[in-house]
Amino acid sequence: MRKFTHFFRLMGELKAFAVQNKAWWIVPLVIVLLLYGVLIVSGQAVAPFIYTLF
């Protein structure tokens, strides 16, 4: 649970940084990195089951 708290705090700080410095280019960058992270984690969980299909 602490990991989620730290994660949401970090996202809030990144949002505050983007708003304060008008650095809106950082928002899509963070979204893409989060999507890559989700893809990697989900890919590791599914990988052993793919081999049984072939």
PDB file of N, CA and C in Angstrom:
ATOM      1  N   MET A   1       0.825  -1.196   0.000  1.00  0.00           N
ATOM      2  CA  MET A   1       0.000   0.000   0.000  1.00  0.00           C
ATOM      3  C   MET A   1       0.868   1.258   0.000  1.00  0.00           C
ATOM      4  N   ARG A   2       2.030   1.158   0.640  1.00  0.00           N
ATOM      5  CA  ARG A   2       2.914   2.327   0.682  1.00  0.00           C
ATOM      6  C   ARG A   2       3.437   2.682  -0.699  1.00  0.00           C
ATOM      7  N   LYS A   3       3.637   1.651  -1.542  1.00  0.00           N
ATOM      8  CA  LYS A   3       4.133   1.913  -2.893  1.00  0.00           C
ATOM      9  C   LYS A   3       3.148   2.761  -3.684  1.00  0.00           C
ATOM     10  N   PHE A   4       1.860   2.457  -3.524  1.00  0.00           N
ATOM     11  CA  PHE A   4       0.849   3.241  -4.226  1.00  0.00           C
ATOM     12  C   PHE A   4       0.806   4.668  -3.701  1.00  0.00           C
ATOM     13  N   THR A   5       0.988   4.829  -2.410  1.00  0.00           N
ATOM     14  CA  THR A   5       0.993   6.172  -1.831  1.00  0.00           C
ATOM     15  C   THR A   5       2.148   6.984  -2.400  1.00  0.00           C
ATOM     16  N   HIS A   6       3.312   6.385  -2.470  1.00  0.00           N
ATOM     17  CA  HIS A   6       4.474   7.084  -3.028  1.00  0.00           C
ATOM     18  C   HIS A   6       4.276   7.372  -4.513  1.00  0.00           C
ATOM     19  N   PHE A   7       3.678   6.414  -5.227  1.00  0.00           N
ATOM     20  CA  PHE A   7       3.440   6.598  -6.656  1.00  0.00           C
ATOM     21  C   PHE A   7       2.496   7.768  -6.906  1.00  0.00           C
ATOM     22  N   PHE A   8       1.386   7.815  -6.163  1.00  0.00           N
ATOM     23  CA  PHE A   8       0.417   8.897  -6.367  1.00  0.00           C
ATOM     24  C   PHE A   8       0.994  10.236  -5.926  1.00  0.00           C
ATOM     25  N   ARG A   9       1.830  10.229  -4.905  1.00  0.00           N
ATOM     26  CA  ARG A   9       2.488  11.468  -4.485  1.00  0.00           C
ATOM     27  C   ARG A   9       3.440  11.955  -5.576  1.00  0.00           C
ATOM     28  N   LEU A  10       4.166  11.025  -6.194  1.00  0.00           N
ATOM     29  CA  LEU A  10       5.070  11.384  -7.283  1.00  0.00           C
ATOM     30  C   LEU A  10       4.307  11.943  -8.475  1.00  0.00           C
ATOM     31  N   MET A  11       3.180  11.318  -8.818  1.00  0.00           N
ATOM     32  CA  MET A  11       2.372  11.819  -9.925  1.00  0.00           C
ATOM     33  C   MET A  11       1.829  13.213  -9.613  1.00  0.00           C
ATOM     34  N   GLY A  12       1.453  13.455  -8.375  1.00  0.00           N
ATOM     35  CA  GLY A  12       0.985  14.781  -7.988  1.00  0.00           C
ATOM     36  C   GLY A  12       2.079  15.825  -8.096  1.00  0.00           C
ATOM     37  N   GLU A  13       3.291  15.451  -7.705  1.00  0.00           N
ATOM     38  CA  GLU A  13       4.412  16.384  -7.816  1.00  0.00           C
ATOM     39  C   GLU A  13       4.754  16.677  -9.275  1.00  0.00           C
ATOM     40  N   LEU A  14       4.676  15.655 -10.132  1.00  0.00           N
ATOM     41  CA  LEU A  14       4.921  15.887 -11.561  1.00  0.00           C
ATOM     42  C   LEU A  14       3.866  16.802 -12.157  1.00  0.00           C
ATOM     43  N   LYS A  15       2.617  16.622 -11.733  1.00  0.00           N
ATOM     44  CA  LYS A  15       1.540  17.498 -12.210  1.00  0.00           C
ATOM     45  C   LYS A  15       1.763  18.929 -11.735  1.00  0.00           C
ATOM     46  N   ALA A  16       2.132  19.079 -10.479  1.00  0.00           N
ATOM     47  CA  ALA A  16       2.387  20.423  -9.949  1.00  0.00           C
ATOM     48  C   ALA A  16       3.557  21.075 -10.675  1.00  0.00           C
ATOM     49  N   PHE A  17       4.598  20.297 -10.982  1.00  0.00           N
ATOM     50  CA  PHE A  17       5.742  20.817 -11.720  1.00  0.00           C
ATOM     51  C   PHE A  17       5.320  21.281 -13.106  1.00  0.00           C
ATOM     52  N   ALA A  18       4.497  20.470 -13.793  1.00  0.00           N
ATOM     53  CA  ALA A  18       4.062  20.822 -15.147  1.00  0.00           C
ATOM     54  C   ALA A  18       3.210  22.085 -15.131  1.00  0.00           C
ATOM     55  N   VAL A  19       2.354  22.219 -14.133  1.00  0.00           N
ATOM     56  CA  VAL A  19       1.489  23.402 -14.059  1.00  0.00           C
ATOM     57  C   VAL A  19       2.305  24.645 -13.726  1.00  0.00           C
ATOM     58  N   GLN A  20       3.189  24.524 -12.756  1.00  0.00           N
ATOM     59  CA  GLN A  20       3.951  25.687 -12.305  1.00  0.00           C
ATOM     60  C   GLN A  20       4.920  26.182 -13.374  1.00  0.00           C
ATOM     61  N   ASN A  21       5.586  25.272 -14.050  1.00  0.00           N
ATOM     62  CA  ASN A  21       6.599  25.659 -15.038  1.00  0.00           C
ATOM     63  C   ASN A  21       6.078  25.669 -16.464  1.00  0.00           C
ATOM     64  N   LYS A  22       4.790  25.402 -16.620  1.00  0.00           N
ATOM     65  CA  LYS A  22       4.163  25.333 -17.941  1.00  0.00           C
ATOM     66  C   LYS A  22       4.925  24.369 -18.861  1.00  0.00           C
ATOM     67  N   ALA A  23       5.308  23.249 -18.304  1.00  0.00           N
ATOM     68  CA  ALA A  23       6.029  22.219 -19.043  1.00  0.00           C
ATOM     69  C   ALA A  23       5.052  21.121 -19.425  1.00  0.00           C
ATOM     70  N   TRP A  24       4.137  21.435 -20.331  1.00  0.00           N
ATOM     71  CA  TRP A  24       3.092  20.485 -20.691  1.00  0.00           C
ATOM     72  C   TRP A  24       3.620  19.330 -21.522  1.00  0.00           C
ATOM     73  N   TRP A  25       4.833  19.429 -22.042  1.00  0.00           N
ATOM     74  CA  TRP A  25       5.413  18.350 -22.817  1.00  0.00           C
ATOM     75  C   TRP A  25       5.700  17.134 -21.948  1.00  0.00           C
ATOM     76  N   ILE A  26       5.778  17.331 -20.632  1.00  0.00           N
ATOM     77  CA  ILE A  26       6.115  16.219 -19.740  1.00  0.00           C
ATOM     78  C   ILE A  26       4.925  15.280 -19.522  1.00  0.00           C
ATOM     79  N   VAL A  27       3.710  15.766 -19.711  1.00  0.00           N
ATOM     80  CA  VAL A  27       2.521  14.945 -19.461  1.00  0.00           C
ATOM     81  C   VAL A  27       2.443  13.760 -20.432  1.00  0.00           C
ATOM     82  N   PRO A  28       2.550  13.962 -21.753  1.00  0.00           N
ATOM     83  CA  PRO A  28       2.520  12.790 -22.642  1.00  0.00           C
ATOM     84  C   PRO A  28       3.704  11.848 -22.419  1.00  0.00           C
ATOM     85  N   LEU A  29       4.833  12.391 -22.045  1.00  0.00           N
ATOM     86  CA  LEU A  29       6.011  11.564 -21.771  1.00  0.00           C
ATOM     87  C   LEU A  29       5.745  10.623 -20.604  1.00  0.00           C
ATOM     88  N   VAL A  30       5.164  11.134 -19.554  1.00  0.00           N
ATOM     89  CA  VAL A  30       4.853  10.316 -18.381  1.00  0.00           C
ATOM     90  C   VAL A  30       3.802   9.267 -18.732  1.00  0.00           C
ATOM     91  N   ILE A  31       2.805   9.646 -19.513  1.00  0.00           N
ATOM     92  CA  ILE A  31       1.761   8.690 -19.903  1.00  0.00           C
ATOM     93  C   ILE A  31       2.344   7.551 -20.722  1.00  0.00           C
ATOM     94  N   VAL A  32       3.218   7.862 -21.661  1.00  0.00           N
ATOM     95  CA  VAL A  32       3.841   6.819 -22.491  1.00  0.00           C
ATOM     96  C   VAL A  32       4.714   5.904 -21.638  1.00  0.00           C
ATOM     97  N   LEU A  33       5.472   6.468 -20.711  1.00  0.00           N
ATOM     98  CA  LEU A  33       6.308   5.638 -19.841  1.00  0.00           C
ATOM     99  C   LEU A  33       5.464   4.735 -18.950  1.00  0.00           C
ATOM    100  N   LEU A  34       4.343   5.236 -18.450  1.00  0.00           N
ATOM    101  CA  LEU A  34       3.448   4.401 -17.647  1.00  0.00           C
ATOM    102  C   LEU A  34       2.851   3.269 -18.476  1.00  0.00           C
ATOM    103  N   LEU A  35       2.481   3.561 -19.718  1.00  0.00           N
ATOM    104  CA  LEU A  35       1.937   2.508 -20.586  1.00  0.00           C
ATOM    105  C   LEU A  35       2.987   1.441 -20.895  1.00  0.00           C
ATOM    106  N   TYR A  36       4.222   1.852 -21.118  1.00  0.00           N
ATOM    107  CA  TYR A  36       5.295   0.873 -21.324  1.00  0.00           C
ATOM    108  C   TYR A  36       5.497   0.016 -20.087  1.00  0.00           C
ATOM    109  N   GLY A  37       5.439   0.623 -18.922  1.00  0.00           N
ATOM    110  CA  GLY A  37       5.585  -0.134 -17.679  1.00  0.00           C
ATOM    111  C   GLY A  37       4.478  -1.159 -17.507  1.00  0.00           C
ATOM    112  N   VAL A  38       3.244  -0.767 -17.810  1.00  0.00           N
ATOM    113  CA  VAL A  38       2.118  -1.703 -17.716  1.00  0.00           C
ATOM    114  C   VAL A  38       2.284  -2.829 -18.728  1.00  0.00           C
ATOM    115  N   LEU A  39       2.735  -2.502 -19.918  1.00  0.00           N
ATOM    116  CA  LEU A  39       2.946  -3.516 -20.951  1.00  0.00           C
ATOM    117  C   LEU A  39       4.013  -4.523 -20.532  1.00  0.00           C
ATOM    118  N   ILE A  40       5.083  -4.053 -19.947  1.00  0.00           N
ATOM    119  CA  ILE A  40       6.165  -4.944 -19.513  1.00  0.00           C
ATOM    120  C   ILE A  40       5.691  -5.849 -18.389  1.00  0.00           C
ATOM    121  N   VAL A  41       5.001  -5.288 -17.415  1.00  0.00           N
ATOM    122  CA  VAL A  41       4.532  -6.098 -16.281  1.00  0.00           C
ATOM    123  C   VAL A  41       3.513  -7.129 -16.739  1.00  0.00           C
ATOM    124  N   SER A  42       2.581  -6.723 -17.584  1.00  0.00           N
ATOM    125  CA  SER A  42       1.572  -7.678 -18.049  1.00  0.00           C
ATOM    126  C   SER A  42       2.189  -8.717 -18.988  1.00  0.00           C
ATOM    127  N   GLY A  43       3.183  -8.330 -19.736  1.00  0.00           N
ATOM    128  CA  GLY A  43       3.851  -9.274 -20.631  1.00  0.00           C
ATOM    129  C   GLY A  43       4.613 -10.345 -19.886  1.00  0.00           C
ATOM    130  N   GLN A  44       5.177  -9.994 -18.748  1.00  0.00           N
ATOM    131  CA  GLN A  44       5.898 -10.982 -17.950  1.00  0.00           C
ATOM    132  C   GLN A  44       4.936 -11.979 -17.315  1.00  0.00           C
ATOM    133  N   ALA A  45       3.747 -11.541 -16.999  1.00  0.00           N
ATOM    134  CA  ALA A  45       2.779 -12.431 -16.372  1.00  0.00           C
ATOM    135  C   ALA A  45       2.164 -13.391 -17.386  1.00  0.00           C
ATOM    136  N   VAL A  46       2.062 -12.988 -18.647  1.00  0.00           N
ATOM    137  CA  VAL A  46       1.402 -13.797 -19.663  1.00  0.00           C
ATOM    138  C   VAL A  46       2.387 -14.703 -20.400  1.00  0.00           C
ATOM    139  N   ALA A  47       3.655 -14.376 -20.383  1.00  0.00           N
ATOM    140  CA  ALA A  47       4.659 -15.088 -21.188  1.00  0.00           C
ATOM    141  C   ALA A  47       4.670 -16.604 -20.974  1.00  0.00           C
ATOM    142  N   PRO A  48       4.601 -17.126 -19.759  1.00  0.00           N
ATOM    143  CA  PRO A  48       4.646 -18.596 -19.627  1.00  0.00           C
ATOM    144  C   PRO A  48       3.456 -19.298 -20.282  1.00  0.00           C
ATOM    145  N   PHE A  49       2.303 -18.631 -20.379  1.00  0.00           N
ATOM    146  CA  PHE A  49       1.132 -19.266 -20.941  1.00  0.00           C
ATOM    147  C   PHE A  49       1.136 -19.237 -22.462  1.00  0.00           C
ATOM    148  N   ILE A  50       1.902 -18.345 -23.063  1.00  0.00           N
ATOM    149  CA  ILE A  50       1.963 -18.280 -24.525  1.00  0.00           C
ATOM    150  C   ILE A  50       2.672 -19.510 -25.078  1.00  0.00           C
ATOM    151  N   TYR A  51       3.692 -20.008 -24.375  1.00  0.00           N
ATOM    152  CA  TYR A  51       4.446 -21.161 -24.861  1.00  0.00           C
ATOM    153  C   TYR A  51       3.588 -22.414 -24.923  1.00  0.00           C
ATOM    154  N   THR A  52       2.550 -22.522 -24.085  1.00  0.00           N
ATOM    155  CA  THR A  52       1.726 -23.707 -24.118  1.00  0.00           C
ATOM    156  C   THR A  52       0.812 -23.724 -25.335  1.00  0.00           C
ATOM    157  N   LEU A  53       0.612 -22.588 -25.973  1.00  0.00           N
ATOM    158  CA  LEU A  53      -0.253 -22.544 -27.147  1.00  0.00           C
ATOM    159  C   LEU A  53       0.428 -23.087 -28.403  1.00  0.00           C
ATOM    160  N   PHE A  54       1.745 -23.092 -28.425  1.00  0.00           N
ATOM    161  CA  PHE A  54       2.445 -23.497 -29.633  1.00  0.00           C
ATOM    162  C   PHE A  54       3.117 -24.810 -29.445  1.00  0.00           C
TER     163      PHE A  54
END
